Amino acid sequence: MEELFFILAKTVSIVLDVVTFAMLARALLPFFVDPMESRAYGIACYLTEPFIAPVRGIMIRLNIGQDSPIDWAFSITYIIILLLGALLPAI
């Protein structure tokens, strides 16, 4: 049973690492390429949007950050993923 939890924790850790990398790519790629023509940017959006959309939905319902030029849902999701990755070994 302990091996199963180890494999599950390692799998979740790898997924969180991939999503973190994709979010970093999504944040930085528009400075270097045209987002509308970049396949890498499209892949980064495809991988990260399922994680960002629930946070964005909550923020819209609570009317938080609507008038801000900063995408707070992206930032909060990034922090949540980093915290989950940091807490995962402790579980």
PDB file of N, CA and C in Angstrom:
ATOM      1  N   MET A   1       0.820  -1.196   0.000  1.00  0.00           N
ATOM      2  CA  MET A   1       0.000   0.000   0.000  1.00  0.00           C
ATOM      3  C   MET A   1       0.866   1.262   0.000  1.00  0.00           C
ATOM      4  N   GLU A   2       1.987   1.199   0.709  1.00  0.00           N
ATOM      5  CA  GLU A   2       2.878   2.353   0.778  1.00  0.00           C
ATOM      6  C   GLU A   2       3.488   2.655  -0.593  1.00  0.00           C
ATOM      7  N   GLU A   3       3.770   1.603  -1.372  1.00  0.00           N
ATOM      8  CA  GLU A   3       4.320   1.807  -2.703  1.00  0.00           C
ATOM      9  C   GLU A   3       3.309   2.487  -3.618  1.00  0.00           C
ATOM     10  N   LEU A   4       2.043   2.134  -3.444  1.00  0.00           N
ATOM     11  CA  LEU A   4       0.989   2.758  -4.242  1.00  0.00           C
ATOM     12  C   LEU A   4       0.906   4.255  -3.967  1.00  0.00           C
ATOM     13  N   PHE A   5       0.986   4.645  -2.701  1.00  0.00           N
ATOM     14  CA  PHE A   5       0.963   6.063  -2.355  1.00  0.00           C
ATOM     15  C   PHE A   5       2.193   6.783  -2.898  1.00  0.00           C
ATOM     16  N   PHE A   6       3.334   6.122  -2.882  1.00  0.00           N
ATOM     17  CA  PHE A   6       4.550   6.718  -3.420  1.00  0.00           C
ATOM     18  C   PHE A   6       4.416   6.956  -4.921  1.00  0.00           C
ATOM     19  N   ILE A   7       3.896   5.965  -5.632  1.00  0.00           N
ATOM     20  CA  ILE A   7       3.713   6.106  -7.085  1.00  0.00           C
ATOM     21  C   ILE A   7       2.705   7.203  -7.388  1.00  0.00           C
ATOM     22  N   LEU A   8       1.615   7.253  -6.643  1.00  0.00           N
ATOM     23  CA  LEU A   8       0.610   8.293  -6.841  1.00  0.00           C
ATOM     24  C   LEU A   8       1.190   9.674  -6.565  1.00  0.00           C
ATOM     25  N   ALA A   9       1.934   9.825  -5.465  1.00  0.00           N
ATOM     26  CA  ALA A   9       2.542  11.112  -5.123  1.00  0.00           C
ATOM     27  C   ALA A   9       3.554  11.538  -6.185  1.00  0.00           C
ATOM     28  N   LYS A  10       4.335  10.596  -6.687  1.00  0.00           N
ATOM     29  CA  LYS A  10       5.325  10.911  -7.713  1.00  0.00           C
ATOM     30  C   LYS A  10       4.646  11.332  -9.013  1.00  0.00           C
ATOM     31  N   THR A  11       3.551  10.661  -9.366  1.00  0.00           N
ATOM     32  CA  THR A  11       2.804  11.011 -10.574  1.00  0.00           C
ATOM     33  C   THR A  11       2.214  12.409 -10.466  1.00  0.00           C
ATOM     34  N   VAL A  12       1.601  12.710  -9.332  1.00  0.00           N
ATOM     35  CA  VAL A  12       1.034  14.044  -9.123  1.00  0.00           C
ATOM     36  C   VAL A  12       2.136  15.095  -9.154  1.00  0.00           C
ATOM     37  N   SER A  13       3.277  14.790  -8.582  1.00  0.00           N
ATOM     38  CA  SER A  13       4.409  15.716  -8.586  1.00  0.00           C
ATOM     39  C   SER A  13       4.883  16.008 -10.008  1.00  0.00           C
ATOM     40  N   ILE A  14       4.951  14.987 -10.838  1.00  0.00           N
ATOM     41  CA  ILE A  14       5.370  15.175 -12.226  1.00  0.00           C
ATOM     42  C   ILE A  14       4.354  16.019 -12.988  1.00  0.00           C
ATOM     43  N   VAL A  15       3.066  15.758 -12.788  1.00  0.00           N
ATOM     44  CA  VAL A  15       2.017  16.545 -13.450  1.00  0.00           C
ATOM     45  C   VAL A  15       2.105  18.007 -13.018  1.00  0.00           C
ATOM     46  N   LEU A  16       2.293  18.249 -11.729  1.00  0.00           N
ATOM     47  CA  LEU A  16       2.409  19.622 -11.236  1.00  0.00           C
ATOM     48  C   LEU A  16       3.647  20.312 -11.815  1.00  0.00           C
ATOM     49  N   ASP A  17       4.737  19.585 -11.972  1.00  0.00           N
ATOM     50  CA  ASP A  17       5.940  20.162 -12.579  1.00  0.00           C
ATOM     51  C   ASP A  17       5.704  20.541 -14.037  1.00  0.00           C
ATOM     52  N   VAL A  18       5.012  19.679 -14.770  1.00  0.00           N
ATOM     53  CA  VAL A  18       4.709  19.970 -16.178  1.00  0.00           C
ATOM     54  C   VAL A  18       3.809  21.198 -16.281  1.00  0.00           C
ATOM     55  N   VAL A  19       2.787  21.271 -15.430  1.00  0.00           N
ATOM     56  CA  VAL A  19       1.874  22.421 -15.462  1.00  0.00           C
ATOM     57  C   VAL A  19       2.605  23.696 -15.061  1.00  0.00           C
ATOM     58  N   THR A  20       3.489  23.615 -14.076  1.00  0.00           N
ATOM     59  CA  THR A  20       4.263  24.786 -13.669  1.00  0.00           C
ATOM     60  C   THR A  20       5.138  25.276 -14.816  1.00  0.00           C
ATOM     61  N   PHE A  21       5.793  24.365 -15.509  1.00  0.00           N
ATOM     62  CA  PHE A  21       6.614  24.739 -16.659  1.00  0.00           C
ATOM     63  C   PHE A  21       5.761  25.346 -17.768  1.00  0.00           C
ATOM     64  N   ALA A  22       4.592  24.763 -18.022  1.00  0.00           N
ATOM     65  CA  ALA A  22       3.703  25.293 -19.062  1.00  0.00           C
ATOM     66  C   ALA A  22       3.196  26.690 -18.686  1.00  0.00           C
ATOM     67  N   MET A  23       2.926  26.916 -17.408  1.00  0.00           N
ATOM     68  CA  MET A  23       2.483  28.245 -16.982  1.00  0.00           C
ATOM     69  C   MET A  23       3.604  29.268 -17.141  1.00  0.00           C
ATOM     70  N   LEU A  24       4.816  28.866 -16.840  1.00  0.00           N
ATOM     71  CA  LEU A  24       5.952  29.758 -17.035  1.00  0.00           C
ATOM     72  C   LEU A  24       6.121  30.074 -18.524  1.00  0.00           C
ATOM     73  N   ALA A  25       5.994  29.069 -19.371  1.00  0.00           N
ATOM     74  CA  ALA A  25       6.085  29.283 -20.817  1.00  0.00           C
ATOM     75  C   ALA A  25       4.956  30.186 -21.294  1.00  0.00           C
ATOM     76  N   ARG A  26       3.754  29.984 -20.763  1.00  0.00           N
ATOM     77  CA  ARG A  26       2.608  30.809 -21.147  1.00  0.00           C
ATOM     78  C   ARG A  26       2.820  32.262 -20.759  1.00  0.00           C
ATOM     79  N   ALA A  27       3.490  32.507 -19.652  1.00  0.00           N
ATOM     80  CA  ALA A  27       3.736  33.874 -19.209  1.00  0.00           C
ATOM     81  C   ALA A  27       4.847  34.552 -20.010  1.00  0.00           C
ATOM     82  N   LEU A  28       5.859  33.787 -20.419  1.00  0.00           N
ATOM     83  CA  LEU A  28       7.024  34.394 -21.057  1.00  0.00           C
ATOM     84  C   LEU A  28       6.990  34.400 -22.589  1.00  0.00           C
ATOM     85  N   LEU A  29       6.334  33.450 -23.197  1.00  0.00           N
ATOM     86  CA  LEU A  29       6.354  33.351 -24.664  1.00  0.00           C
ATOM     87  C   LEU A  29       5.811  34.579 -25.389  1.00  0.00           C
ATOM     88  N   PRO A  30       4.765  35.252 -24.905  1.00  0.00           N
ATOM     89  CA  PRO A  30       4.290  36.430 -25.639  1.00  0.00           C
ATOM     90  C   PRO A  30       5.329  37.544 -25.781  1.00  0.00           C
ATOM     91  N   PHE A  31       6.371  37.545 -24.962  1.00  0.00           N
ATOM     92  CA  PHE A  31       7.422  38.542 -25.103  1.00  0.00           C
ATOM     93  C   PHE A  31       8.344  38.236 -26.283  1.00  0.00           C
ATOM     94  N   PHE A  32       8.359  36.992 -26.744  1.00  0.00           N
ATOM     95  CA  PHE A  32       9.305  36.577 -27.769  1.00  0.00           C
ATOM     96  C   PHE A  32       8.659  36.174 -29.094  1.00  0.00           C
ATOM     97  N   VAL A  33       7.427  35.715 -29.060  1.00  0.00           N
ATOM     98  CA  VAL A  33       6.752  35.259 -30.282  1.00  0.00           C
ATOM     99  C   VAL A  33       5.338  35.833 -30.324  1.00  0.00           C
ATOM    100  N   ASP A  34       4.741  35.772 -31.494  1.00  0.00           N
ATOM    101  CA  ASP A  34       3.343  36.189 -31.637  1.00  0.00           C
ATOM    102  C   ASP A  34       2.453  35.073 -31.096  1.00  0.00           C
ATOM    103  N   PRO A  35       1.680  35.328 -30.044  1.00  0.00           N
ATOM    104  CA  PRO A  35       0.862  34.262 -29.446  1.00  0.00           C
ATOM    105  C   PRO A  35      -0.147  33.643 -30.410  1.00  0.00           C
ATOM    106  N   MET A  36      -0.620  34.407 -31.359  1.00  0.00           N
ATOM    107  CA  MET A  36      -1.616  33.876 -32.291  1.00  0.00           C
ATOM    108  C   MET A  36      -1.014  32.879 -33.283  1.00  0.00           C
ATOM    109  N   GLU A  37       0.297  32.967 -33.510  1.00  0.00           N
ATOM    110  CA  GLU A  37       0.941  32.089 -34.479  1.00  0.00           C
ATOM    111  C   GLU A  37       1.825  31.023 -33.849  1.00  0.00           C
ATOM    112  N   SER A  38       2.041  31.100 -32.548  1.00  0.00           N
ATOM    113  CA  SER A  38       2.959  30.186 -31.887  1.00  0.00           C
ATOM    114  C   SER A  38       2.265  28.896 -31.458  1.00  0.00           C
ATOM    115  N   ARG A  39       2.765  27.785 -31.938  1.00  0.00           N
ATOM    116  CA  ARG A  39       2.233  26.481 -31.546  1.00  0.00           C
ATOM    117  C   ARG A  39       2.576  26.179 -30.081  1.00  0.00           C
ATOM    118  N   ALA A  40       3.768  26.589 -29.639  1.00  0.00           N
ATOM    119  CA  ALA A  40       4.186  26.360 -28.255  1.00  0.00           C
ATOM    120  C   ALA A  40       3.270  27.107 -27.284  1.00  0.00           C
ATOM    121  N   TYR A  41       2.885  28.332 -27.637  1.00  0.00           N
ATOM    122  CA  TYR A  41       1.983  29.094 -26.784  1.00  0.00           C
ATOM    123  C   TYR A  41       0.604  28.427 -26.734  1.00  0.00           C
ATOM    124  N   GLY A  42       0.145  27.918 -27.845  1.00  0.00           N
ATOM    125  CA  GLY A  42      -1.135  27.217 -27.881  1.00  0.00           C
ATOM    126  C   GLY A  42      -1.132  25.968 -27.010  1.00  0.00           C
ATOM    127  N   ILE A  43      -0.036  25.233 -27.040  1.00  0.00           N
ATOM    128  CA  ILE A  43       0.089  24.038 -26.201  1.00  0.00           C
ATOM    129  C   ILE A  43       0.118  24.432 -24.734  1.00  0.00           C
ATOM    130  N   ALA A  44       0.852  25.504 -24.408  1.00  0.00           N
ATOM    131  CA  ALA A  44       0.917  25.969 -23.020  1.00  0.00           C
ATOM    132  C   ALA A  44      -0.473  26.386 -22.527  1.00  0.00           C
ATOM    133  N   CYS A  45      -1.229  27.060 -23.358  1.00  0.00           N
ATOM    134  CA  CYS A  45      -2.598  27.450 -22.979  1.00  0.00           C
ATOM    135  C   CYS A  45      -3.487  26.224 -22.816  1.00  0.00           C
ATOM    136  N   TYR A  46      -3.343  25.275 -23.713  1.00  0.00           N
ATOM    137  CA  TYR A  46      -4.144  24.049 -23.652  1.00  0.00           C
ATOM    138  C   TYR A  46      -3.871  23.269 -22.366  1.00  0.00           C
ATOM    139  N   LEU A  47      -2.618  23.233 -21.935  1.00  0.00           N
ATOM    140  CA  LEU A  47      -2.252  22.495 -20.721  1.00  0.00           C
ATOM    141  C   LEU A  47      -2.641  23.227 -19.439  1.00  0.00           C
ATOM    142  N   THR A  48      -2.609  24.547 -19.454  1.00  0.00           N
ATOM    143  CA  THR A  48      -2.818  25.296 -18.218  1.00  0.00           C
ATOM    144  C   THR A  48      -4.243  25.765 -17.993  1.00  0.00           C
ATOM    145  N   GLU A  49      -5.000  25.934 -19.024  1.00  0.00           N
ATOM    146  CA  GLU A  49      -6.347  26.492 -18.864  1.00  0.00           C
ATOM    147  C   GLU A  49      -7.263  25.648 -17.968  1.00  0.00           C
ATOM    148  N   PRO A  50      -7.195  24.311 -17.990  1.00  0.00           N
ATOM    149  CA  PRO A  50      -8.040  23.546 -17.051  1.00  0.00           C
ATOM    150  C   PRO A  50      -7.726  23.824 -15.584  1.00  0.00           C
ATOM    151  N   PHE A  51      -6.535  24.289 -15.282  1.00  0.00           N
ATOM    152  CA  PHE A  51      -6.171  24.621 -13.909  1.00  0.00           C
ATOM    153  C   PHE A  51      -6.550  26.063 -13.561  1.00  0.00           C
ATOM    154  N   ILE A  52      -6.478  26.952 -14.559  1.00  0.00           N
ATOM    155  CA  ILE A  52      -6.759  28.368 -14.323  1.00  0.00           C
ATOM    156  C   ILE A  52      -8.264  28.656 -14.333  1.00  0.00           C
ATOM    157  N   ALA A  53      -9.019  27.957 -15.161  1.00  0.00           N
ATOM    158  CA  ALA A  53     -10.451  28.251 -15.334  1.00  0.00           C
ATOM    159  C   ALA A  53     -11.257  28.179 -14.029  1.00  0.00           C
ATOM    160  N   PRO A  54     -11.071  27.181 -13.167  1.00  0.00           N
ATOM    161  CA  PRO A  54     -11.858  27.177 -11.920  1.00  0.00           C
ATOM    162  C   PRO A  54     -11.544  28.370 -11.015  1.00  0.00           C
ATOM    163  N   VAL A  55     -10.287  28.756 -10.943  1.00  0.00           N
ATOM    164  CA  VAL A  55      -9.918  29.909 -10.125  1.00  0.00           C
ATOM    165  C   VAL A  55     -10.508  31.175 -10.730  1.00  0.00           C
ATOM    166  N   ARG A  56     -10.466  31.280 -12.048  1.00  0.00           N
ATOM    167  CA  ARG A  56     -11.042  32.448 -12.728  1.00  0.00           C
ATOM    168  C   ARG A  56     -12.551  32.514 -12.490  1.00  0.00           C
ATOM    169  N   GLY A  57     -13.216  31.368 -12.521  1.00  0.00           N
ATOM    170  CA  GLY A  57     -14.660  31.340 -12.263  1.00  0.00           C
ATOM    171  C   GLY A  57     -15.006  31.799 -10.858  1.00  0.00           C
ATOM    172  N   ILE A  58     -14.226  31.365  -9.878  1.00  0.00           N
ATOM    173  CA  ILE A  58     -14.451  31.798  -8.495  1.00  0.00           C
ATOM    174  C   ILE A  58     -14.218  33.296  -8.371  1.00  0.00           C
ATOM    175  N   MET A  59     -13.179  33.792  -9.007  1.00  0.00           N
ATOM    176  CA  MET A  59     -12.879  35.215  -8.914  1.00  0.00           C
ATOM    177  C   MET A  59     -13.947  36.064  -9.589  1.00  0.00           C
ATOM    178  N   ILE A  60     -14.523  35.571 -10.671  1.00  0.00           N
ATOM    179  CA  ILE A  60     -15.597  36.306 -11.337  1.00  0.00           C
ATOM    180  C   ILE A  60     -16.833  36.345 -10.450  1.00  0.00           C
ATOM    181  N   ARG A  61     -17.165  35.209  -9.828  1.00  0.00           N
ATOM    182  CA  ARG A  61     -18.333  35.179  -8.931  1.00  0.00           C
ATOM    183  C   ARG A  61     -18.169  36.107  -7.736  1.00  0.00           C
ATOM    184  N   LEU A  62     -16.943  36.198  -7.229  1.00  0.00           N
ATOM    185  CA  LEU A  62     -16.677  37.049  -6.069  1.00  0.00           C
ATOM    186  C   LEU A  62     -16.324  38.480  -6.461  1.00  0.00           C
ATOM    187  N   ASN A  63     -16.264  38.752  -7.772  1.00  0.00           N
ATOM    188  CA  ASN A  63     -15.957  40.077  -8.302  1.00  0.00           C
ATOM    189  C   ASN A  63     -14.603  40.576  -7.777  1.00  0.00           C
ATOM    190  N   ILE A  64     -13.600  39.736  -7.909  1.00  0.00           N
ATOM    191  CA  ILE A  64     -12.248  40.072  -7.461  1.00  0.00           C
ATOM    192  C   ILE A  64     -11.355  40.264  -8.686  1.00  0.00           C
ATOM    193  N   GLY A  65     -10.669  41.390  -8.749  1.00  0.00           N
ATOM    194  CA  GLY A  65      -9.687  41.642  -9.801  1.00  0.00           C
ATOM    195  C   GLY A  65     -10.254  41.879 -11.174  1.00  0.00           C
ATOM    196  N   GLN A  66     -11.501  42.267 -11.287  1.00  0.00           N
ATOM    197  CA  GLN A  66     -12.119  42.449 -12.598  1.00  0.00           C
ATOM    198  C   GLN A  66     -11.568  43.664 -13.349  1.00  0.00           C
ATOM    199  N   ASP A  67     -11.202  44.713 -12.634  1.00  0.00           N
ATOM    200  CA  ASP A  67     -10.726  45.941 -13.273  1.00  0.00           C
ATOM    201  C   ASP A  67      -9.207  46.028 -13.322  1.00  0.00           C
ATOM    202  N   SER A  68      -8.530  44.979 -12.953  1.00  0.00           N
ATOM    203  CA  SER A  68      -7.076  44.994 -12.893  1.00  0.00           C
ATOM    204  C   SER A  68      -6.471  44.546 -14.229  1.00  0.00           C
ATOM    205  N   PRO A  69      -5.371  45.169 -14.629  1.00  0.00           N
ATOM    206  CA  PRO A  69      -4.700  44.713 -15.855  1.00  0.00           C
ATOM    207  C   PRO A  69      -3.909  43.418 -15.640  1.00  0.00           C
ATOM    208  N   ILE A  70      -3.767  42.997 -14.394  1.00  0.00           N
ATOM    209  CA  ILE A  70      -3.036  41.770 -14.075  1.00  0.00           C
ATOM    210  C   ILE A  70      -4.019  40.601 -14.052  1.00  0.00           C
ATOM    211  N   ASP A  71      -3.620  39.489 -14.638  1.00  0.00           N
ATOM    212  CA  ASP A  71      -4.454  38.287 -14.597  1.00  0.00           C
ATOM    213  C   ASP A  71      -4.236  37.599 -13.246  1.00  0.00           C
ATOM    214  N   TRP A  72      -5.039  37.988 -12.268  1.00  0.00           N
ATOM    215  CA  TRP A  72      -4.881  37.468 -10.919  1.00  0.00           C
ATOM    216  C   TRP A  72      -5.195  35.986 -10.837  1.00  0.00           C
ATOM    217  N   ALA A  73      -6.084  35.492 -11.663  1.00  0.00           N
ATOM    218  CA  ALA A  73      -6.408  34.060 -11.652  1.00  0.00           C
ATOM    219  C   ALA A  73      -5.170  33.242 -12.015  1.00  0.00           C
ATOM    220  N   PHE A  74      -4.409  33.715 -12.979  1.00  0.00           N
ATOM    221  CA  PHE A  74      -3.175  33.041 -13.368  1.00  0.00           C
ATOM    222  C   PHE A  74      -2.199  33.032 -12.200  1.00  0.00           C
ATOM    223  N   SER A  75      -2.018  34.180 -11.574  1.00  0.00           N
ATOM    224  CA  SER A  75      -1.066  34.299 -10.467  1.00  0.00           C
ATOM    225  C   SER A  75      -1.462  33.435  -9.279  1.00  0.00           C
ATOM    226  N   ILE A  76      -2.727  33.450  -8.924  1.00  0.00           N
ATOM    227  CA  ILE A  76      -3.206  32.660  -7.789  1.00  0.00           C
ATOM    228  C   ILE A  76      -3.085  31.167  -8.091  1.00  0.00           C
ATOM    229  N   THR A  77      -3.413  30.771  -9.312  1.00  0.00           N
ATOM    230  CA  THR A  77      -3.279  29.361  -9.696  1.00  0.00           C
ATOM    231  C   THR A  77      -1.831  28.916  -9.622  1.00  0.00           C
ATOM    232  N   TYR A  78      -0.922  29.761 -10.072  1.00  0.00           N
ATOM    233  CA  TYR A  78       0.500  29.427 -10.020  1.00  0.00           C
ATOM    234  C   TYR A  78       0.950  29.223  -8.573  1.00  0.00           C
ATOM    235  N   ILE A  79       0.503  30.097  -7.686  1.00  0.00           N
ATOM    236  CA  ILE A  79       0.864  29.971  -6.266  1.00  0.00           C
ATOM    237  C   ILE A  79       0.267  28.700  -5.671  1.00  0.00           C
ATOM    238  N   ILE A  80      -0.978  28.396  -6.008  1.00  0.00           N
ATOM    239  CA  ILE A  80      -1.625  27.183  -5.488  1.00  0.00           C
ATOM    240  C   ILE A  80      -0.862  25.934  -5.945  1.00  0.00           C
ATOM    241  N   ILE A  81      -0.471  25.904  -7.208  1.00  0.00           N
ATOM    242  CA  ILE A  81       0.257  24.744  -7.726  1.00  0.00           C
ATOM    243  C   ILE A  81       1.614  24.607  -7.042  1.00  0.00           C
ATOM    244  N   LEU A  82       2.295  25.723  -6.828  1.00  0.00           N
ATOM    245  CA  LEU A  82       3.580  25.668  -6.137  1.00  0.00           C
ATOM    246  C   LEU A  82       3.402  25.181  -4.695  1.00  0.00           C
ATOM    247  N   LEU A  83       2.360  25.637  -4.022  1.00  0.00           N
ATOM    248  CA  LEU A  83       2.099  25.187  -2.649  1.00  0.00           C
ATOM    249  C   LEU A  83       1.760  23.707  -2.608  1.00  0.00           C
ATOM    250  N   LEU A  84       0.951  23.239  -3.545  1.00  0.00           N
ATOM    251  CA  LEU A  84       0.626  21.812  -3.601  1.00  0.00           C
ATOM    252  C   LEU A  84       1.874  20.969  -3.824  1.00  0.00           C
ATOM    253  N   GLY A  85       2.749  21.454  -4.709  1.00  0.00           N
ATOM    254  CA  GLY A  85       3.991  20.733  -4.951  1.00  0.00           C
ATOM    255  C   GLY A  85       4.891  20.700  -3.735  1.00  0.00           C
ATOM    256  N   ALA A  86       4.881  21.778  -2.964  1.00  0.00           N
ATOM    257  CA  ALA A  86       5.709  21.827  -1.762  1.00  0.00           C
ATOM    258  C   ALA A  86       5.122  20.961  -0.652  1.00  0.00           C
ATOM    259  N   LEU A  87       3.796  20.877  -0.567  1.00  0.00           N
ATOM    260  CA  LEU A  87       3.151  20.102   0.482  1.00  0.00           C
ATOM    261  C   LEU A  87       3.047  18.612   0.158  1.00  0.00           C
ATOM    262  N   LEU A  88       3.195  18.253  -1.101  1.00  0.00           N
ATOM    263  CA  LEU A  88       3.011  16.873  -1.520  1.00  0.00           C
ATOM    264  C   LEU A  88       3.939  15.891  -0.798  1.00  0.00           C
ATOM    265  N   PRO A  89       5.210  16.167  -0.639  1.00  0.00           N
ATOM    266  CA  PRO A  89       6.065  15.206   0.069  1.00  0.00           C
ATOM    267  C   PRO A  89       5.674  15.022   1.531  1.00  0.00           C
ATOM    268  N   ALA A  90       5.025  16.007   2.119  1.00  0.00           N
ATOM    269  CA  ALA A  90       4.642  15.924   3.532  1.00  0.00           C
ATOM    270  C   ALA A  90       3.407  15.045   3.730  1.00  0.00           C
ATOM    271  N   ILE A  91       2.677  14.788   2.659  1.00  0.00           N
ATOM    272  CA  ILE A  91       1.439  14.001   2.783  1.00  0.00           C
ATOM    273  C   ILE A  91       1.761  12.535   2.904  1.00  0.00           C
TER     274      ILE A  91
END
